[in-house]
Amino acid sequence: MARPKRRRRKAESNFGLIFGTVALGLASVAILGGYGYLKYYRGGSHVAIDKASLCPVDGPKEITAILLDVTDPISPTTATDLRNNFQDTVNTVTVGGLIQVYALTDVTGELKLTFSGCNPGSGEDADIWTSNPRLMQKRWEEGFEKPLKDLADSMDQGVEGKQSPIMAGIQKINLDVFGNPAHKNILKRLVIASDMIEYTKSFSMYATGPDYEKFLKSPARDEYRTSLAGVTVRMLVFQRPGLKFTTREIGEFWGEWVTANKGSWGGYVRLEGIK
């Protein structure tokens, strides 16, 4: 979340670290599996998967999108708590489920995709008579588990941005990912890790606080309106010092915003630490 009236730091963004790590992980995905389609054994039958994305060739079985707000640094304690929650989220992705991780920027509607891939299943999902458990385990570790773990390990870095257009980021993911007609009938989840302090020219919580009635009178109401029907939204909230409003008030604001946009409110977790 960007803070107003402060000079932007000249330190390098953590994006370079994130992108470098994930690029290596995704490169390993692309070369795994030999020729043709890969397969895993699930539910009594073989499922063909694409060797580049590790997704079933007929599309992912579910989608989990994660939006990381790195427009401000977080404390080491918060980073540890975030990594734990991040890993918990990854562990809930079923075999054949797609996970995409986005980094919020201070440019409205501009996100950085830092990871995209399906859970291909580990060696535990292999049928010993028709599959290769060792290959499946290697594919899962190198193409899915390791790049996500490396991404989680880089979460304690960040630089201050000019603004934090969180609503625009949600709208972007909803239109580009969840709005894809091919994803219409599958489970969709959005997890947002941020201090959840919206700060744009259209609406700034620094000026109004998390006052939903004032938001309804702002240009942001229509500008960032988006139909979240069929999407469950959960938030992992960073704590910031010196605010005139509480994390609970922030959670109540966003719960109302998600519900007003027809989404399912999955609640929020106040992460430990403060910075």
C-alpha atoms as a PDB file:
ATOM      1  CA  MET A   1       0.000   0.000   0.000  1.00  0.00           C
ATOM      2  CA  ALA A   2       1.465   3.336  -0.975  1.00  0.00           C
ATOM      3  CA  ARG A   3       1.702   6.130   1.574  1.00  0.00           C
ATOM      4  CA  PRO A   4       1.018   9.740   0.562  1.00  0.00           C
ATOM      5  CA  LYS A   5       3.379  12.693   0.622  1.00  0.00           C
ATOM      6  CA  ARG A   6       6.599  10.713   0.832  1.00  0.00           C
ATOM      7  CA  ARG A   7       9.433  10.518  -1.669  1.00  0.00           C
ATOM      8  CA  ARG A   8       9.593   7.275  -3.536  1.00  0.00           C
ATOM      9  CA  ARG A   9      12.572   5.191  -2.516  1.00  0.00           C
ATOM     10  CA  LYS A  10      15.367   4.620  -4.976  1.00  0.00           C
ATOM     11  CA  ALA A  11      16.029   1.106  -3.746  1.00  0.00           C
ATOM     12  CA  GLU A  12      15.489  -1.613  -6.279  1.00  0.00           C
ATOM     13  CA  SER A  13      12.089  -3.280  -6.240  1.00  0.00           C
ATOM     14  CA  ASN A  14      11.744  -6.866  -5.236  1.00  0.00           C
ATOM     15  CA  PHE A  15      10.209  -7.513  -8.655  1.00  0.00           C
ATOM     16  CA  GLY A  16      13.626  -8.368 -10.093  1.00  0.00           C
ATOM     17  CA  LEU A  17      14.171 -11.021  -7.479  1.00  0.00           C
ATOM     18  CA  ILE A  18      10.674 -12.394  -7.849  1.00  0.00           C
ATOM     19  CA  PHE A  19      10.774 -12.462 -11.648  1.00  0.00           C
ATOM     20  CA  GLY A  20      14.220 -14.024 -11.770  1.00  0.00           C
ATOM     21  CA  THR A  21      13.240 -16.767  -9.375  1.00  0.00           C
ATOM     22  CA  VAL A  22       9.942 -17.545 -11.027  1.00  0.00           C
ATOM     23  CA  ALA A  23      11.445 -17.388 -14.523  1.00  0.00           C
ATOM     24  CA  LEU A  24      13.884 -20.130 -13.571  1.00  0.00           C
ATOM     25  CA  GLY A  25      11.057 -22.191 -12.131  1.00  0.00           C
ATOM     26  CA  LEU A  26       8.866 -21.757 -15.186  1.00  0.00           C
ATOM     27  CA  ALA A  27      11.779 -22.535 -17.485  1.00  0.00           C
ATOM     28  CA  SER A  28      12.176 -25.837 -15.692  1.00  0.00           C
ATOM     29  CA  VAL A  29       8.498 -26.542 -16.257  1.00  0.00           C
ATOM     30  CA  ALA A  30       8.855 -26.044 -19.984  1.00  0.00           C
ATOM     31  CA  ILE A  31      11.559 -28.682 -20.404  1.00  0.00           C
ATOM     32  CA  LEU A  32       9.999 -31.355 -18.220  1.00  0.00           C
ATOM     33  CA  GLY A  33       8.025 -34.309 -19.431  1.00  0.00           C
ATOM     34  CA  GLY A  34       9.746 -35.281 -22.678  1.00  0.00           C
ATOM     35  CA  TYR A  35       7.679 -35.313 -25.842  1.00  0.00           C
ATOM     36  CA  GLY A  36       3.942 -34.941 -26.300  1.00  0.00           C
ATOM     37  CA  TYR A  37       1.552 -34.560 -23.413  1.00  0.00           C
ATOM     38  CA  LEU A  38       2.308 -35.617 -19.884  1.00  0.00           C
ATOM     39  CA  LYS A  39      -0.199 -37.663 -17.904  1.00  0.00           C
ATOM     40  CA  TYR A  40      -1.180 -38.207 -14.311  1.00  0.00           C
ATOM     41  CA  TYR A  41      -3.392 -40.899 -12.899  1.00  0.00           C
ATOM     42  CA  ARG A  42      -6.455 -39.544 -11.149  1.00  0.00           C
ATOM     43  CA  GLY A  43      -9.904 -40.883 -10.357  1.00  0.00           C
ATOM     44  CA  GLY A  44      -9.353 -44.166 -12.137  1.00  0.00           C
ATOM     45  CA  SER A  45      -8.200 -42.701 -15.443  1.00  0.00           C
ATOM     46  CA  HIS A  46      -5.258 -41.000 -17.106  1.00  0.00           C
ATOM     47  CA  VAL A  47      -5.459 -37.224 -17.479  1.00  0.00           C
ATOM     48  CA  ALA A  48      -3.375 -35.626 -20.235  1.00  0.00           C
ATOM     49  CA  ILE A  49      -1.652 -32.416 -19.185  1.00  0.00           C
ATOM     50  CA  ASP A  50       0.163 -29.744 -21.136  1.00  0.00           C
ATOM     51  CA  LYS A  51       3.921 -29.949 -20.549  1.00  0.00           C
ATOM     52  CA  ALA A  52       4.380 -26.149 -20.500  1.00  0.00           C
ATOM     53  CA  SER A  53       1.656 -25.116 -18.055  1.00  0.00           C
ATOM     54  CA  LEU A  54       1.232 -28.493 -16.292  1.00  0.00           C
ATOM     55  CA  CYS A  55      -2.531 -27.950 -16.646  1.00  0.00           C
ATOM     56  CA  PRO A  56      -4.979 -30.555 -17.975  1.00  0.00           C
ATOM     57  CA  VAL A  57      -5.338 -30.135 -21.729  1.00  0.00           C
ATOM     58  CA  ASP A  58      -9.071 -29.580 -21.277  1.00  0.00           C
ATOM     59  CA  GLY A  59      -8.424 -26.699 -18.865  1.00  0.00           C
ATOM     60  CA  PRO A  60      -7.770 -26.234 -15.136  1.00  0.00           C
ATOM     61  CA  LYS A  61     -10.137 -27.791 -12.626  1.00  0.00           C
ATOM     62  CA  GLU A  62     -10.109 -24.673 -10.426  1.00  0.00           C
ATOM     63  CA  ILE A  63      -8.342 -21.306 -10.232  1.00  0.00           C
ATOM     64  CA  THR A  64      -6.656 -19.633  -7.292  1.00  0.00           C
ATOM     65  CA  ALA A  65      -5.354 -16.126  -7.969  1.00  0.00           C
ATOM     66  CA  ILE A  66      -3.123 -14.403  -5.423  1.00  0.00           C
ATOM     67  CA  LEU A  67      -2.621 -10.630  -5.481  1.00  0.00           C
ATOM     68  CA  LEU A  68       0.451  -9.438  -3.561  1.00  0.00           C
ATOM     69  CA  ASP A  69       0.649  -5.768  -2.649  1.00  0.00           C
ATOM     70  CA  VAL A  70       4.380  -5.008  -2.554  1.00  0.00           C
ATOM     71  CA  THR A  71       4.018  -1.231  -2.934  1.00  0.00           C
ATOM     72  CA  ASP A  72       5.371  -0.863   0.629  1.00  0.00           C
ATOM     73  CA  PRO A  73       7.826  -2.943   2.682  1.00  0.00           C
ATOM     74  CA  ILE A  74       6.585  -5.238   5.444  1.00  0.00           C
ATOM     75  CA  SER A  75       8.257  -6.303   8.679  1.00  0.00           C
ATOM     76  CA  PRO A  76      10.160  -9.598   8.969  1.00  0.00           C
ATOM     77  CA  THR A  77       7.477 -10.881  11.363  1.00  0.00           C
ATOM     78  CA  THR A  78       4.713 -10.066   8.895  1.00  0.00           C
ATOM     79  CA  ALA A  79       6.718 -11.656   6.085  1.00  0.00           C
ATOM     80  CA  THR A  80       7.015 -14.900   8.043  1.00  0.00           C
ATOM     81  CA  ASP A  81       3.288 -14.951   8.791  1.00  0.00           C
ATOM     82  CA  LEU A  82       2.549 -14.167   5.141  1.00  0.00           C
ATOM     83  CA  ARG A  83       4.791 -16.990   3.919  1.00  0.00           C
ATOM     84  CA  ASN A  84       2.983 -19.433   6.198  1.00  0.00           C
ATOM     85  CA  ASN A  85      -0.434 -18.326   4.954  1.00  0.00           C
ATOM     86  CA  PHE A  86       0.821 -18.325   1.360  1.00  0.00           C
ATOM     87  CA  GLN A  87       1.995 -21.921   1.713  1.00  0.00           C
ATOM     88  CA  ASP A  88      -1.310 -22.913   3.314  1.00  0.00           C
ATOM     89  CA  THR A  89      -3.111 -21.488   0.288  1.00  0.00           C
ATOM     90  CA  VAL A  90      -0.845 -23.329  -2.142  1.00  0.00           C
ATOM     91  CA  ASN A  91      -1.437 -26.582  -0.255  1.00  0.00           C
ATOM     92  CA  THR A  92      -5.190 -26.313  -0.840  1.00  0.00           C
ATOM     93  CA  VAL A  93      -4.823 -26.258  -4.643  1.00  0.00           C
ATOM     94  CA  THR A  94      -6.041 -29.591  -5.964  1.00  0.00           C
ATOM     95  CA  VAL A  95      -4.292 -31.611  -8.652  1.00  0.00           C
ATOM     96  CA  GLY A  96      -5.199 -29.971 -11.957  1.00  0.00           C
ATOM     97  CA  GLY A  97      -5.893 -26.651 -10.219  1.00  0.00           C
ATOM     98  CA  LEU A  98      -4.304 -23.474 -11.589  1.00  0.00           C
ATOM     99  CA  ILE A  99      -2.529 -20.985  -9.345  1.00  0.00           C
ATOM    100  CA  GLN A 100      -1.526 -17.533 -10.561  1.00  0.00           C
ATOM    101  CA  VAL A 101       0.398 -14.991  -8.500  1.00  0.00           C
ATOM    102  CA  TYR A 102       0.257 -11.285  -9.338  1.00  0.00           C
ATOM    103  CA  ALA A 103       2.164  -8.333  -7.875  1.00  0.00           C
ATOM    104  CA  LEU A 104       0.286  -5.059  -7.544  1.00  0.00           C
ATOM    105  CA  THR A 105       2.036  -1.977  -8.946  1.00  0.00           C
ATOM    106  CA  ASP A 106       1.344   1.707  -8.379  1.00  0.00           C
ATOM    107  CA  VAL A 107       0.049   2.025 -11.943  1.00  0.00           C
ATOM    108  CA  THR A 108      -3.726   1.658 -12.060  1.00  0.00           C
ATOM    109  CA  GLY A 109      -4.727  -1.635 -13.659  1.00  0.00           C
ATOM    110  CA  GLU A 110      -1.146  -2.798 -14.208  1.00  0.00           C
ATOM    111  CA  LEU A 111      -0.144  -6.073 -12.561  1.00  0.00           C
ATOM    112  CA  LYS A 112       2.979  -8.224 -12.762  1.00  0.00           C
ATOM    113  CA  LEU A 113       2.352 -11.935 -13.278  1.00  0.00           C
ATOM    114  CA  THR A 114       5.039 -13.671 -11.211  1.00  0.00           C
ATOM    115  CA  PHE A 115       3.850 -17.279 -11.420  1.00  0.00           C
ATOM    116  CA  SER A 116       1.313 -19.293 -13.398  1.00  0.00           C
ATOM    117  CA  GLY A 117       0.990 -23.056 -13.394  1.00  0.00           C
ATOM    118  CA  CYS A 118      -1.192 -25.975 -12.410  1.00  0.00           C
ATOM    119  CA  ASN A 119      -0.548 -28.463  -9.657  1.00  0.00           C
ATOM    120  CA  PRO A 120       0.585 -31.513 -11.693  1.00  0.00           C
ATOM    121  CA  GLY A 121       0.373 -33.908  -8.763  1.00  0.00           C
ATOM    122  CA  SER A 122       3.281 -35.340  -6.812  1.00  0.00           C
ATOM    123  CA  GLY A 123       4.640 -38.864  -6.790  1.00  0.00           C
ATOM    124  CA  GLU A 124       1.907 -39.740  -4.284  1.00  0.00           C
ATOM    125  CA  ASP A 125      -0.678 -39.243  -7.032  1.00  0.00           C
ATOM    126  CA  ALA A 126       1.013 -41.651  -9.434  1.00  0.00           C
ATOM    127  CA  ASP A 127      -0.240 -45.138 -10.196  1.00  0.00           C
ATOM    128  CA  ILE A 128       2.811 -47.399  -9.934  1.00  0.00           C
ATOM    129  CA  TRP A 129       1.594 -49.672 -12.757  1.00  0.00           C
ATOM    130  CA  THR A 130       0.878 -47.017 -15.357  1.00  0.00           C
ATOM    131  CA  SER A 131       2.846 -43.926 -14.281  1.00  0.00           C
ATOM    132  CA  ASN A 132       6.338 -42.942 -13.200  1.00  0.00           C
ATOM    133  CA  PRO A 133       6.171 -41.758  -9.555  1.00  0.00           C
ATOM    134  CA  ARG A 134       9.763 -40.504  -9.589  1.00  0.00           C
ATOM    135  CA  LEU A 135       9.179 -38.379 -12.689  1.00  0.00           C
ATOM    136  CA  MET A 136       5.921 -37.022 -11.285  1.00  0.00           C
ATOM    137  CA  GLN A 137       7.608 -36.088  -8.019  1.00  0.00           C
ATOM    138  CA  LYS A 138      10.464 -34.331  -9.839  1.00  0.00           C
ATOM    139  CA  ARG A 139       8.032 -32.471 -12.090  1.00  0.00           C
ATOM    140  CA  TRP A 140       5.985 -31.355  -9.066  1.00  0.00           C
ATOM    141  CA  GLU A 141       9.031 -30.208  -7.093  1.00  0.00           C
ATOM    142  CA  GLU A 142      10.835 -28.368  -9.898  1.00  0.00           C
ATOM    143  CA  GLY A 143       7.886 -26.950 -11.784  1.00  0.00           C
ATOM    144  CA  PHE A 144       5.422 -26.158  -9.002  1.00  0.00           C
ATOM    145  CA  GLU A 145       6.645 -26.460  -5.415  1.00  0.00           C
ATOM    146  CA  LYS A 146      10.125 -24.884  -5.675  1.00  0.00           C
ATOM    147  CA  PRO A 147       9.276 -21.728  -7.688  1.00  0.00           C
ATOM    148  CA  LEU A 148       6.371 -21.004  -5.345  1.00  0.00           C
ATOM    149  CA  LYS A 149       8.567 -21.522  -2.295  1.00  0.00           C
ATOM    150  CA  ASP A 150      11.230 -19.213  -3.742  1.00  0.00           C
ATOM    151  CA  LEU A 151       8.538 -16.638  -4.439  1.00  0.00           C
ATOM    152  CA  ALA A 152       7.326 -16.848  -0.844  1.00  0.00           C
ATOM    153  CA  ASP A 153      10.875 -16.366   0.441  1.00  0.00           C
ATOM    154  CA  SER A 154      11.125 -12.978  -1.311  1.00  0.00           C
ATOM    155  CA  MET A 155       8.024 -11.452   0.289  1.00  0.00           C
ATOM    156  CA  ASP A 156       9.802  -9.327   2.890  1.00  0.00           C
ATOM    157  CA  GLN A 157      10.999  -6.744   0.367  1.00  0.00           C
ATOM    158  CA  GLY A 158       9.193  -3.813  -1.185  1.00  0.00           C
ATOM    159  CA  VAL A 159       9.417  -0.140  -2.092  1.00  0.00           C
ATOM    160  CA  GLU A 160       6.978   2.715  -1.653  1.00  0.00           C
ATOM    161  CA  GLY A 161       4.853   3.553  -4.655  1.00  0.00           C
ATOM    162  CA  LYS A 162       2.851   6.611  -5.626  1.00  0.00           C
ATOM    163  CA  GLN A 163      -0.497   4.946  -4.995  1.00  0.00           C
ATOM    164  CA  SER A 164      -2.122   1.598  -4.258  1.00  0.00           C
ATOM    165  CA  PRO A 165      -4.929   0.833  -6.714  1.00  0.00           C
ATOM    166  CA  ILE A 166      -6.145  -2.366  -5.035  1.00  0.00           C
ATOM    167  CA  MET A 167      -9.661  -2.218  -6.479  1.00  0.00           C
ATOM    168  CA  ALA A 168      -8.260  -1.809  -9.988  1.00  0.00           C
ATOM    169  CA  GLY A 169      -6.024  -4.845  -9.422  1.00  0.00           C
ATOM    170  CA  ILE A 170      -8.989  -6.956  -8.352  1.00  0.00           C
ATOM    171  CA  GLN A 171     -10.961  -5.754 -11.357  1.00  0.00           C
ATOM    172  CA  LYS A 172      -8.069  -6.647 -13.688  1.00  0.00           C
ATOM    173  CA  ILE A 173      -7.793 -10.218 -12.367  1.00  0.00           C
ATOM    174  CA  ASN A 174     -11.551 -10.652 -12.427  1.00  0.00           C
ATOM    175  CA  LEU A 175     -11.836  -9.607 -16.080  1.00  0.00           C
ATOM    176  CA  ASP A 176      -8.705 -11.247 -17.465  1.00  0.00           C
ATOM    177  CA  VAL A 177      -8.708 -14.493 -15.468  1.00  0.00           C
ATOM    178  CA  PHE A 178     -12.035 -15.260 -13.829  1.00  0.00           C
ATOM    179  CA  GLY A 179     -14.005 -13.701 -16.685  1.00  0.00           C
ATOM    180  CA  ASN A 180     -12.540 -16.102 -19.259  1.00  0.00           C
ATOM    181  CA  PRO A 181     -15.523 -18.069 -20.675  1.00  0.00           C
ATOM    182  CA  ALA A 182     -13.479 -21.273 -20.355  1.00  0.00           C
ATOM    183  CA  HIS A 183     -13.387 -20.727 -16.585  1.00  0.00           C
ATOM    184  CA  LYS A 184     -17.085 -20.070 -16.144  1.00  0.00           C
ATOM    185  CA  ASN A 185     -18.076 -23.258 -14.327  1.00  0.00           C
ATOM    186  CA  ILE A 186     -15.052 -23.953 -12.135  1.00  0.00           C
ATOM    187  CA  LEU A 187     -14.161 -22.961  -8.580  1.00  0.00           C
ATOM    188  CA  LYS A 188     -12.564 -19.507  -8.385  1.00  0.00           C
ATOM    189  CA  ARG A 189     -10.712 -18.049  -5.409  1.00  0.00           C
ATOM    190  CA  LEU A 190      -8.922 -14.747  -4.914  1.00  0.00           C
ATOM    191  CA  VAL A 191      -6.469 -14.195  -2.064  1.00  0.00           C
ATOM    192  CA  ILE A 192      -5.165 -10.658  -1.493  1.00  0.00           C
ATOM    193  CA  ALA A 193      -2.126  -9.915   0.684  1.00  0.00           C
ATOM    194  CA  SER A 194      -1.996  -6.194   1.432  1.00  0.00           C
ATOM    195  CA  ASP A 195      -2.591  -3.556   4.071  1.00  0.00           C
ATOM    196  CA  MET A 196      -5.825  -3.038   2.085  1.00  0.00           C
ATOM    197  CA  ILE A 197      -5.562   0.755   2.265  1.00  0.00           C
ATOM    198  CA  GLU A 198      -6.960   1.918  -1.079  1.00  0.00           C
ATOM    199  CA  TYR A 199      -5.108   5.027  -2.222  1.00  0.00           C
ATOM    200  CA  THR A 200      -5.875   6.514  -5.637  1.00  0.00           C
ATOM    201  CA  LYS A 201      -7.081   9.803  -7.055  1.00  0.00           C
ATOM    202  CA  SER A 202     -10.592   8.380  -7.202  1.00  0.00           C
ATOM    203  CA  PHE A 203     -10.715   7.315  -3.556  1.00  0.00           C
ATOM    204  CA  SER A 204      -8.187   7.526  -0.730  1.00  0.00           C
ATOM    205  CA  MET A 205      -8.653   5.942   2.678  1.00  0.00           C
ATOM    206  CA  TYR A 206      -5.982   8.287   3.968  1.00  0.00           C
ATOM    207  CA  ALA A 207      -8.410  11.136   3.317  1.00  0.00           C
ATOM    208  CA  THR A 208     -11.717   9.509   4.253  1.00  0.00           C
ATOM    209  CA  GLY A 209     -10.805   6.452   6.287  1.00  0.00           C
ATOM    210  CA  PRO A 210     -12.542   3.153   5.422  1.00  0.00           C
ATOM    211  CA  ASP A 211     -15.891   4.935   5.228  1.00  0.00           C
ATOM    212  CA  TYR A 212     -18.104   2.994   2.833  1.00  0.00           C
ATOM    213  CA  GLU A 213     -20.708   5.750   2.528  1.00  0.00           C
ATOM    214  CA  LYS A 214     -18.039   8.199   1.383  1.00  0.00           C
ATOM    215  CA  PHE A 215     -16.748   5.604  -1.049  1.00  0.00           C
ATOM    216  CA  LEU A 216     -20.221   5.316  -2.587  1.00  0.00           C
ATOM    217  CA  LYS A 217     -20.101   9.033  -3.349  1.00  0.00           C
ATOM    218  CA  SER A 218     -16.664   8.827  -4.972  1.00  0.00           C
ATOM    219  CA  PRO A 219     -15.781   8.177  -8.652  1.00  0.00           C
ATOM    220  CA  ALA A 220     -14.186   4.874  -7.579  1.00  0.00           C
ATOM    221  CA  ARG A 221     -17.597   3.276  -7.026  1.00  0.00           C
ATOM    222  CA  ASP A 222     -18.324   3.045 -10.754  1.00  0.00           C
ATOM    223  CA  GLU A 223     -14.745   3.113 -11.984  1.00  0.00           C
ATOM    224  CA  TYR A 224     -13.776  -0.123 -10.232  1.00  0.00           C
ATOM    225  CA  ARG A 225     -17.130  -1.874 -10.123  1.00  0.00           C
ATOM    226  CA  THR A 226     -16.718  -5.519 -11.165  1.00  0.00           C
ATOM    227  CA  SER A 227     -18.914  -8.610 -10.927  1.00  0.00           C
ATOM    228  CA  LEU A 228     -17.324 -11.093  -8.541  1.00  0.00           C
ATOM    229  CA  ALA A 229     -20.164 -13.590  -8.858  1.00  0.00           C
ATOM    230  CA  GLY A 230     -18.776 -17.089  -8.264  1.00  0.00           C
ATOM    231  CA  VAL A 231     -15.540 -15.788  -6.716  1.00  0.00           C
ATOM    232  CA  THR A 232     -14.573 -16.270  -3.061  1.00  0.00           C
ATOM    233  CA  VAL A 233     -12.351 -13.443  -1.803  1.00  0.00           C
ATOM    234  CA  ARG A 234     -10.056 -13.770   1.216  1.00  0.00           C
ATOM    235  CA  MET A 235      -7.655 -11.142   2.549  1.00  0.00           C
ATOM    236  CA  LEU A 236      -4.361 -11.330   4.441  1.00  0.00           C
ATOM    237  CA  VAL A 237      -3.963  -7.897   5.985  1.00  0.00           C
ATOM    238  CA  PHE A 238      -0.697  -6.162   6.944  1.00  0.00           C
ATOM    239  CA  GLN A 239      -0.748  -3.796   9.934  1.00  0.00           C
ATOM    240  CA  ARG A 240       0.577  -0.242   9.560  1.00  0.00           C
ATOM    241  CA  PRO A 241       1.474   2.084  12.466  1.00  0.00           C
ATOM    242  CA  GLY A 242      -0.054   5.478  13.133  1.00  0.00           C
ATOM    243  CA  LEU A 243      -3.362   4.981  11.326  1.00  0.00           C
ATOM    244  CA  LYS A 244      -6.531   6.719  12.509  1.00  0.00           C
ATOM    245  CA  PHE A 245      -8.583   3.613  11.788  1.00  0.00           C
ATOM    246  CA  THR A 246      -8.289  -0.045  12.698  1.00  0.00           C
ATOM    247  CA  THR A 247      -7.622  -3.191  10.724  1.00  0.00           C
ATOM    248  CA  ARG A 248     -11.096  -4.354  11.740  1.00  0.00           C
ATOM    249  CA  GLU A 249     -12.670  -1.289  10.127  1.00  0.00           C
ATOM    250  CA  ILE A 250     -10.677  -1.995   6.965  1.00  0.00           C
ATOM    251  CA  GLY A 251     -11.964  -5.583   6.945  1.00  0.00           C
ATOM    252  CA  GLU A 252     -15.565  -4.412   7.357  1.00  0.00           C
ATOM    253  CA  PHE A 253     -15.171  -1.976   4.457  1.00  0.00           C
ATOM    254  CA  TRP A 254     -13.823  -4.633   2.107  1.00  0.00           C
ATOM    255  CA  GLY A 255     -16.374  -7.205   3.207  1.00  0.00           C
ATOM    256  CA  GLU A 256     -19.086  -4.758   2.194  1.00  0.00           C
ATOM    257  CA  TRP A 257     -17.337  -3.967  -1.098  1.00  0.00           C
ATOM    258  CA  VAL A 258     -16.953  -7.648  -2.050  1.00  0.00           C
ATOM    259  CA  THR A 259     -20.572  -8.412  -1.174  1.00  0.00           C
ATOM    260  CA  ALA A 260     -21.833  -5.369  -3.112  1.00  0.00           C
ATOM    261  CA  ASN A 261     -19.948  -6.695  -6.141  1.00  0.00           C
ATOM    262  CA  LYS A 262     -21.686 -10.100  -5.763  1.00  0.00           C
ATOM    263  CA  GLY A 263     -18.607 -11.931  -4.503  1.00  0.00           C
ATOM    264  CA  SER A 264     -18.458 -14.407  -1.631  1.00  0.00           C
ATOM    265  CA  TRP A 265     -16.673 -12.969   1.391  1.00  0.00           C
ATOM    266  CA  GLY A 266     -14.051 -15.437   2.587  1.00  0.00           C
ATOM    267  CA  GLY A 267     -12.997 -13.256   5.525  1.00  0.00           C
ATOM    268  CA  TYR A 268      -9.655 -11.720   6.420  1.00  0.00           C
ATOM    269  CA  VAL A 269      -6.663 -12.579   8.550  1.00  0.00           C
ATOM    270  CA  ARG A 270      -4.767  -9.842  10.384  1.00  0.00           C
ATOM    271  CA  LEU A 271      -1.136 -10.828   9.972  1.00  0.00           C
ATOM    272  CA  GLU A 272       1.291 -10.499  12.864  1.00  0.00           C
ATOM    273  CA  GLY A 273       3.900  -7.758  13.027  1.00  0.00           C
ATOM    274  CA  ILE A 274       3.659  -4.101  12.111  1.00  0.00           C
ATOM    275  CA  LYS A 275       5.557  -1.726   9.825  1.00  0.00           C
END
